[in-house]
Amino acid sequence: MSKRLGLLIVMMLFVTMMTGCFGSDDSTTPTPATTSSVVITGTIPALSAPAGAPNKMVNYGTNYEMGVFNAATMTEITGSAVVINGTTYTATVPAGAANVTALVVIRHKTTGKVVYSAIAGNLPTATQMSAASVSTVNVTGVNLNGESTALATIARDKNLVAPSIPVSSSVTTMPATVKSTIDTAVGAATITAIRDAVEAVQTVLNASSVPETVKSSILSALDAALSDVLNAFVTAVKDASAVITSAGGATTVTVGGTTINSTTTPAQVTDAVNHVTVVNIVSVTNPADITVASGTAVSAIQFPAQVSVGLSNSTVATKNVVWSLVSTPAYNASVAGTYTFTGSVDGTELKATVKVIVGSVAEVA
């Protein structure tokens, strides 16, 4: 009897071991989730910054701090982190469930006023990155300076749509794409004027020879709206024109047909901003259907990089488009049929769509 009992115990142990080796244990050991992120790098002005950083806002010099914001809410993106090394930075932003426009900012610690900013672009979602089998998108060249700050200010004030960041391991085109998008909307002359105003303000705020009372007066006028930036410029020119001139900066700018200088009133600034004409995208021309052979992976489909758009001034332009690899119905390379993909077009919330046809036509071709 004892021998039989011993044999039974051995058999039970063997079955248990076999189940542990070959049986399914998904209920107790979940597969780790893959974390996707967007890494943004660029240069920053020399403000005596310390190297390294904790998560969230990082101290930058004595009077500033740096972080990555949601441009729509002007709040810090949860989970973002910035590391500063001399005059370069690396910002890591986790991909989320929704597209968010990332704005890299340097703001004054005490007042919270943004002094430098740069639009990184509309971040891809975790779903979009997973569909493209990309875990990290590296966006380079997002430099913070007078022009980047001017572009960001114009975009926020005029409610311009930021271009989407392509789902690719290396993206080098975003600064040029951002500038092109805003140039289409307001023109190069407006960008130049706002850049000159921003650089004048930045010059005075960074000058050690300027009294803190003057800087406080400028910071008091400075805010997110375009009129606030121009009012800060008026104050800077009024109280520290010699500092601006010695740095080669402008003491007058023309915006919306109005010349703005040290004597310009807030009402005149508001009128100038209101006369900045914005050209909007009013239509998108969808590209022709794409036909592929059965078995073609979604990553191998040759989506068009650009689409034609109609503008509110009755002209036509070509804009970049970033395609989502999530289709309706869900793409299946082995099932013949028509799959509709959606693309984000630079400078508009209007979407482009393209039909991908999987079937024998492509196989014959």
Protein backbone atom coordinates (compact mmCIF):
# COMPACT_ATOMS: atom_id res chain seq x y z
CA MET A 1 0.00 0.00 0.00
CA SER A 2 2.79 2.38 0.94
CA LYS A 3 4.60 1.62 -2.33
CA ARG A 4 1.44 2.47 -4.31
CA LEU A 5 0.99 5.70 -2.34
CA GLY A 6 4.60 6.66 -2.98
CA LEU A 7 4.23 5.96 -6.69
CA LEU A 8 1.06 8.09 -6.81
CA ILE A 9 2.84 11.03 -5.16
CA VAL A 10 5.72 10.80 -7.64
CA MET A 11 3.29 10.81 -10.56
CA MET A 12 1.47 13.85 -9.19
CA LEU A 13 4.75 15.73 -8.80
CA PHE A 14 5.71 14.86 -12.37
CA VAL A 15 2.40 16.14 -13.74
CA THR A 16 2.81 19.37 -11.75
CA MET A 17 6.30 19.93 -13.11
CA MET A 18 5.16 19.29 -16.68
CA THR A 19 2.29 21.75 -16.31
CA GLY A 20 4.67 24.38 -15.01
CA CYS A 21 7.01 23.86 -17.98
CA PHE A 22 4.53 23.64 -20.84
CA GLY A 23 1.18 24.84 -19.52
CA SER A 24 -0.19 28.38 -19.86
CA ASP A 25 0.43 30.70 -16.92
CA ASP A 26 -0.78 33.95 -18.51
CA SER A 27 -3.21 34.54 -15.67
CA THR A 28 -0.41 34.81 -13.13
CA THR A 29 2.48 36.25 -15.20
CA PRO A 30 1.27 39.08 -17.44
CA THR A 31 3.41 40.19 -20.38
CA PRO A 32 5.25 43.44 -19.50
CA ALA A 33 3.85 46.49 -21.30
CA THR A 34 6.15 48.16 -23.82
CA THR A 35 6.76 51.82 -22.97
CA SER A 36 6.93 54.13 -25.96
CA SER A 37 8.34 57.64 -25.82
CA VAL A 38 9.38 60.67 -27.84
CA VAL A 39 12.88 62.00 -27.18
CA ILE A 40 13.38 65.67 -28.10
CA THR A 41 16.83 67.24 -28.33
CA GLY A 42 18.17 70.68 -29.19
CA THR A 43 20.12 73.70 -28.05
CA ILE A 44 19.26 76.33 -25.45
CA PRO A 45 20.63 79.81 -24.66
CA ALA A 46 23.57 80.02 -22.28
CA LEU A 47 22.01 80.88 -18.93
CA SER A 48 24.54 79.16 -16.64
CA ALA A 49 22.56 75.94 -16.42
CA PRO A 50 23.57 73.02 -14.18
CA ALA A 51 24.07 69.61 -15.76
CA GLY A 52 21.52 66.89 -15.06
CA ALA A 53 17.93 67.10 -13.95
CA PRO A 54 15.18 65.42 -12.00
CA ASN A 55 11.82 64.58 -13.53
CA LYS A 56 9.45 67.43 -14.35
CA MET A 57 10.65 71.04 -14.40
CA VAL A 58 14.42 71.42 -14.08
CA ASN A 59 16.16 74.49 -12.69
CA TYR A 60 17.99 76.39 -15.41
CA GLY A 61 20.40 78.98 -14.10
CA THR A 62 19.39 81.23 -11.23
CA ASN A 63 16.12 82.64 -12.52
CA TYR A 64 14.70 80.03 -14.90
CA GLU A 65 13.31 76.51 -15.14
CA MET A 66 12.72 74.24 -18.12
CA GLY A 67 10.11 71.64 -19.02
CA VAL A 68 7.83 70.16 -21.69
CA PHE A 69 4.27 71.50 -21.77
CA ASN A 70 0.99 70.58 -23.40
CA ALA A 71 0.58 73.60 -25.69
CA ALA A 72 -3.21 73.56 -25.40
CA THR A 73 -3.32 73.75 -21.59
CA MET A 74 0.15 75.22 -20.90
CA THR A 75 0.64 72.60 -18.19
CA GLU A 76 3.54 70.20 -17.90
CA ILE A 77 3.10 66.87 -19.66
CA THR A 78 2.86 64.15 -17.02
CA GLY A 79 5.89 61.88 -16.93
CA SER A 80 8.10 64.15 -19.03
CA ALA A 81 11.73 64.67 -17.99
CA VAL A 82 14.46 67.09 -19.06
CA VAL A 83 18.22 66.72 -18.77
CA ILE A 84 20.46 69.73 -19.46
CA ASN A 85 24.09 69.45 -20.47
CA GLY A 86 25.68 72.86 -21.03
CA THR A 87 23.74 74.48 -23.86
CA THR A 88 22.02 71.32 -25.04
CA TYR A 89 19.05 69.45 -23.61
CA THR A 90 17.29 66.11 -23.89
CA ALA A 91 13.58 65.87 -23.10
CA THR A 92 11.81 62.53 -22.84
CA VAL A 93 8.02 62.48 -23.16
CA PRO A 94 5.93 59.31 -22.80
CA ALA A 95 3.50 58.57 -25.61
CA GLY A 96 -0.08 58.70 -24.36
CA ALA A 97 -3.59 57.79 -25.40
CA ALA A 98 -4.23 61.07 -27.24
CA ASN A 99 -2.25 63.34 -29.54
CA VAL A 100 -0.78 66.29 -27.64
CA THR A 101 1.24 69.20 -29.00
CA ALA A 102 4.55 69.30 -27.12
CA LEU A 103 5.99 72.72 -26.32
CA VAL A 104 9.49 72.92 -24.82
CA VAL A 105 9.68 75.98 -22.56
CA ILE A 106 12.06 77.98 -20.40
CA ARG A 107 10.13 80.14 -17.97
CA HIS A 108 10.94 82.63 -15.25
CA LYS A 109 10.80 80.89 -11.86
CA THR A 110 9.16 83.65 -9.86
CA THR A 111 6.58 84.89 -12.35
CA GLY A 112 6.06 81.74 -14.40
CA LYS A 113 6.32 83.79 -17.59
CA VAL A 114 7.60 81.88 -20.63
CA VAL A 115 10.73 83.54 -22.00
CA TYR A 116 11.84 80.86 -24.49
CA SER A 117 9.77 78.18 -26.20
CA ALA A 118 9.79 75.84 -29.18
CA ILE A 119 7.08 73.70 -30.74
CA ALA A 120 8.28 70.11 -30.98
CA GLY A 121 5.14 69.00 -32.79
CA ASN A 122 2.01 66.94 -32.28
CA LEU A 123 3.12 63.80 -30.44
CA PRO A 124 2.19 60.35 -31.79
CA THR A 125 0.05 58.21 -29.51
CA ALA A 126 1.17 54.94 -27.96
CA THR A 127 -1.24 53.11 -30.28
CA GLN A 128 0.23 54.75 -33.38
CA MET A 129 3.76 53.89 -32.29
CA SER A 130 2.80 50.31 -31.51
CA ALA A 131 1.16 49.90 -34.93
CA ALA A 132 4.39 51.11 -36.57
CA SER A 133 6.53 48.89 -34.31
CA VAL A 134 8.46 51.95 -33.11
CA SER A 135 9.21 52.28 -29.40
CA THR A 136 11.21 55.53 -29.49
CA VAL A 137 10.86 58.53 -31.78
CA ASN A 138 13.93 60.80 -31.71
CA VAL A 139 13.20 64.40 -32.71
CA THR A 140 16.35 66.47 -33.19
CA GLY A 141 17.07 70.15 -33.78
CA VAL A 142 14.30 71.60 -31.60
CA ASN A 143 16.38 74.63 -30.59
CA LEU A 144 15.08 77.31 -28.23
CA ASN A 145 15.83 80.83 -29.47
CA GLY A 146 14.14 84.02 -30.60
CA GLU A 147 12.66 82.56 -33.75
CA SER A 148 11.34 79.38 -32.13
CA THR A 149 9.72 81.50 -29.41
CA ALA A 150 8.15 83.78 -32.00
CA LEU A 151 6.75 80.81 -33.93
CA ALA A 152 5.30 79.29 -30.76
CA THR A 153 3.76 82.61 -29.72
CA ILE A 154 2.13 83.15 -33.11
CA ALA A 155 0.82 79.58 -33.22
CA ARG A 156 -0.79 79.83 -29.78
CA ASP A 157 -2.24 83.28 -30.35
CA LYS A 158 -3.71 82.50 -33.77
CA ASN A 159 -4.81 78.95 -32.87
CA LEU A 160 -2.68 77.38 -35.56
CA VAL A 161 -2.50 73.59 -35.68
CA ALA A 162 0.97 72.20 -35.04
CA PRO A 163 2.30 69.62 -37.52
CA SER A 164 2.38 65.99 -36.44
CA ILE A 165 5.64 64.24 -35.63
CA PRO A 166 6.15 61.29 -38.00
CA VAL A 167 6.25 57.86 -36.36
CA SER A 168 9.88 57.13 -37.19
CA SER A 169 12.95 56.33 -35.11
CA SER A 170 14.69 59.50 -36.38
CA VAL A 171 12.94 62.77 -37.21
CA THR A 172 15.07 65.74 -38.30
CA THR A 173 12.50 67.83 -40.19
CA MET A 174 10.24 69.19 -37.45
CA PRO A 175 11.78 72.69 -37.02
CA ALA A 176 11.54 73.37 -40.75
CA THR A 177 8.03 71.91 -40.91
CA VAL A 178 6.84 74.04 -37.99
CA LYS A 179 8.22 77.20 -39.60
CA SER A 180 6.74 76.33 -42.99
CA THR A 181 3.31 75.74 -41.44
CA ILE A 182 3.29 79.10 -39.66
CA ASP A 183 4.79 80.88 -42.67
CA THR A 184 1.85 79.66 -44.77
CA ALA A 185 -0.57 81.03 -42.19
CA VAL A 186 0.84 84.50 -41.44
CA GLY A 187 3.74 85.14 -43.83
CA ALA A 188 7.49 85.57 -43.41
CA ALA A 189 7.29 89.30 -42.60
CA THR A 190 5.15 88.72 -39.52
CA ILE A 191 7.44 85.94 -38.31
CA THR A 192 10.49 88.20 -38.71
CA ALA A 193 8.83 91.09 -36.86
CA ILE A 194 7.76 88.94 -33.90
CA ARG A 195 11.19 87.28 -33.82
CA ASP A 196 12.86 90.70 -33.60
CA ALA A 197 10.52 91.75 -30.78
CA VAL A 198 11.09 88.53 -28.86
CA GLU A 199 14.87 88.74 -29.22
CA ALA A 200 14.85 92.32 -27.94
CA VAL A 201 12.92 91.26 -24.84
CA GLN A 202 15.21 88.27 -24.28
CA THR A 203 18.31 90.47 -24.66
CA VAL A 204 17.15 92.86 -21.95
CA LEU A 205 16.05 90.10 -19.56
CA ASN A 206 19.43 88.36 -19.91
CA ALA A 207 21.55 91.51 -19.55
CA SER A 208 23.31 91.82 -16.20
CA SER A 209 23.54 95.60 -16.65
CA VAL A 210 19.77 96.07 -16.66
CA PRO A 211 18.22 96.83 -13.23
CA GLU A 212 15.86 94.22 -11.81
CA THR A 213 13.11 96.82 -11.63
CA VAL A 214 13.21 97.16 -15.42
CA LYS A 215 13.18 93.39 -15.87
CA SER A 216 10.23 93.11 -13.50
CA SER A 217 8.34 95.68 -15.54
CA ILE A 218 8.97 93.70 -18.73
CA LEU A 219 7.98 90.41 -17.11
CA SER A 220 4.81 92.04 -15.82
CA ALA A 221 3.78 92.84 -19.40
CA LEU A 222 4.97 89.53 -20.85
CA ASP A 223 2.48 86.68 -21.28
CA ALA A 224 1.32 84.04 -23.76
CA ALA A 225 -0.70 86.32 -26.07
CA LEU A 226 0.97 87.99 -29.03
CA SER A 227 -0.16 91.40 -27.80
CA ASP A 228 1.50 90.72 -24.43
CA VAL A 229 4.82 89.91 -26.13
CA LEU A 230 4.63 93.14 -28.13
CA ASN A 231 3.72 95.17 -25.05
CA ALA A 232 6.77 93.68 -23.31
CA PHE A 233 8.80 94.73 -26.36
CA VAL A 234 7.51 98.31 -26.05
CA THR A 235 8.55 98.36 -22.38
CA ALA A 236 11.98 96.89 -23.19
CA VAL A 237 12.63 99.50 -25.89
CA LYS A 238 11.37 102.32 -23.68
CA ASP A 239 13.56 101.39 -20.69
CA ALA A 240 16.61 99.69 -22.24
CA SER A 241 16.95 100.66 -25.91
CA ALA A 242 20.73 101.11 -25.57
CA VAL A 243 21.13 97.49 -24.46
CA ILE A 244 19.09 96.27 -27.43
CA THR A 245 20.96 98.47 -29.92
CA SER A 246 24.38 97.42 -28.64
CA ALA A 247 23.39 93.79 -29.16
CA GLY A 248 22.35 94.54 -32.75
CA GLY A 249 18.65 94.18 -32.00
CA ALA A 250 15.63 96.00 -33.38
CA THR A 251 13.90 98.85 -31.57
CA THR A 252 10.98 99.04 -34.02
CA VAL A 253 8.93 96.30 -35.68
CA THR A 254 6.00 96.37 -38.07
CA VAL A 255 3.06 94.06 -37.34
CA GLY A 256 -0.28 94.11 -39.12
CA GLY A 257 0.70 97.31 -40.92
CA THR A 258 1.47 99.16 -37.66
CA THR A 259 4.95 100.28 -36.63
CA ILE A 260 5.54 99.41 -32.98
CA ASN A 261 8.16 101.26 -30.95
CA SER A 262 8.71 102.81 -27.51
CA THR A 263 5.68 105.12 -27.83
CA THR A 264 3.14 102.56 -29.03
CA THR A 265 0.11 102.19 -26.74
CA PRO A 266 -1.50 98.88 -25.69
CA ALA A 267 -4.57 99.75 -27.79
CA GLN A 268 -2.38 100.25 -30.86
CA VAL A 269 -0.64 96.93 -30.18
CA THR A 270 -4.00 95.15 -29.98
CA ASP A 271 -5.09 96.74 -33.25
CA ALA A 272 -1.85 95.66 -34.92
CA VAL A 273 -2.31 92.05 -33.80
CA ASN A 274 -5.92 92.03 -34.97
CA HIS A 275 -4.76 93.09 -38.44
CA VAL A 276 -2.46 90.09 -38.86
CA THR A 277 -4.10 88.12 -41.65
CA VAL A 278 -4.24 84.36 -41.15
CA VAL A 279 -4.48 82.06 -44.18
CA ASN A 280 -6.23 78.81 -43.25
CA ILE A 281 -6.41 75.43 -44.93
CA VAL A 282 -10.02 74.93 -46.01
CA SER A 283 -9.84 71.66 -47.95
CA VAL A 284 -7.68 68.57 -48.43
CA THR A 285 -7.45 66.59 -51.67
CA ASN A 286 -7.26 62.89 -50.89
CA PRO A 287 -4.66 60.86 -52.79
CA ALA A 288 -5.48 58.07 -55.22
CA ASP A 289 -6.18 54.55 -54.01
CA ILE A 290 -3.16 52.34 -53.32
CA THR A 291 -3.24 48.73 -54.51
CA VAL A 292 -0.93 46.15 -52.95
CA ALA A 293 -0.37 42.43 -53.25
CA SER A 294 -1.67 40.01 -50.66
CA GLY A 295 0.84 39.58 -47.86
CA THR A 296 2.12 43.18 -48.01
CA ALA A 297 2.97 44.35 -44.49
CA VAL A 298 1.46 47.65 -43.45
CA SER A 299 4.97 49.04 -42.92
CA ALA A 300 5.76 48.28 -46.58
CA ILE A 301 2.86 50.28 -48.01
CA GLN A 302 4.10 53.36 -49.89
CA PHE A 303 1.89 56.10 -48.49
CA PRO A 304 2.22 59.56 -50.11
CA ALA A 305 4.33 61.97 -48.06
CA GLN A 306 2.35 65.04 -49.14
CA VAL A 307 -1.15 66.06 -50.17
CA SER A 308 -2.61 69.06 -51.95
CA VAL A 309 -4.62 71.54 -49.85
CA GLY A 310 -6.86 74.48 -50.64
CA LEU A 311 -6.25 77.74 -48.76
CA SER A 312 -8.64 80.46 -47.64
CA ASN A 313 -7.00 82.94 -50.03
CA SER A 314 -8.11 80.77 -52.97
CA THR A 315 -4.64 79.35 -53.62
CA VAL A 316 -3.38 75.78 -53.48
CA ALA A 317 -0.41 74.44 -51.51
CA THR A 318 1.29 71.14 -50.79
CA LYS A 319 1.53 69.96 -47.19
CA ASN A 320 3.18 67.06 -45.42
CA VAL A 321 0.93 64.30 -44.13
CA VAL A 322 1.62 61.77 -41.38
CA TRP A 323 -0.37 58.56 -41.81
CA SER A 324 -1.73 56.49 -38.97
CA LEU A 325 -1.11 52.79 -39.53
CA VAL A 326 -4.39 51.97 -37.79
CA SER A 327 -7.05 51.45 -40.47
CA THR A 328 -10.78 50.78 -40.84
CA PRO A 329 -11.32 47.84 -40.90
CA ALA A 330 -8.15 46.68 -39.12
CA TYR A 331 -5.51 45.93 -41.75
CA ASN A 332 -4.95 42.25 -42.53
CA ALA A 333 -2.34 41.62 -45.21
CA SER A 334 -3.70 38.15 -45.97
CA VAL A 335 -7.33 39.17 -46.43
CA ALA A 336 -8.34 40.79 -49.73
CA GLY A 337 -10.36 43.96 -49.33
CA THR A 338 -10.31 47.74 -48.98
CA TYR A 339 -8.78 49.38 -45.92
CA THR A 340 -9.09 53.11 -45.18
CA PHE A 341 -6.17 54.93 -43.54
CA THR A 342 -6.25 58.45 -42.07
CA GLY A 343 -3.48 61.04 -42.21
CA SER A 344 -2.77 64.20 -40.19
CA VAL A 345 -2.05 67.15 -42.49
CA ASP A 346 0.34 69.89 -41.37
CA GLY A 347 -1.43 73.08 -40.35
CA THR A 348 -5.00 71.82 -40.12
CA GLU A 349 -7.32 69.57 -38.18
CA LEU A 350 -8.78 68.38 -41.48
CA LYS A 351 -7.73 64.82 -42.22
CA ALA A 352 -6.60 63.10 -45.41
CA THR A 353 -7.81 59.59 -46.19
CA VAL A 354 -6.51 56.98 -48.57
CA LYS A 355 -7.87 53.56 -49.51
CA VAL A 356 -5.48 50.63 -49.63
CA ILE A 357 -6.76 47.75 -51.71
CA VAL A 358 -5.36 44.30 -50.98
CA GLY A 359 -6.11 41.87 -53.79
CA SER A 360 -5.33 40.03 -56.96
CA VAL A 361 -5.03 43.18 -59.11
CA ALA A 362 -1.71 43.99 -57.49
CA GLU A 363 -0.55 40.42 -57.72
CA VAL A 364 -1.17 40.35 -61.47
CA ALA A 365 0.63 43.68 -61.89
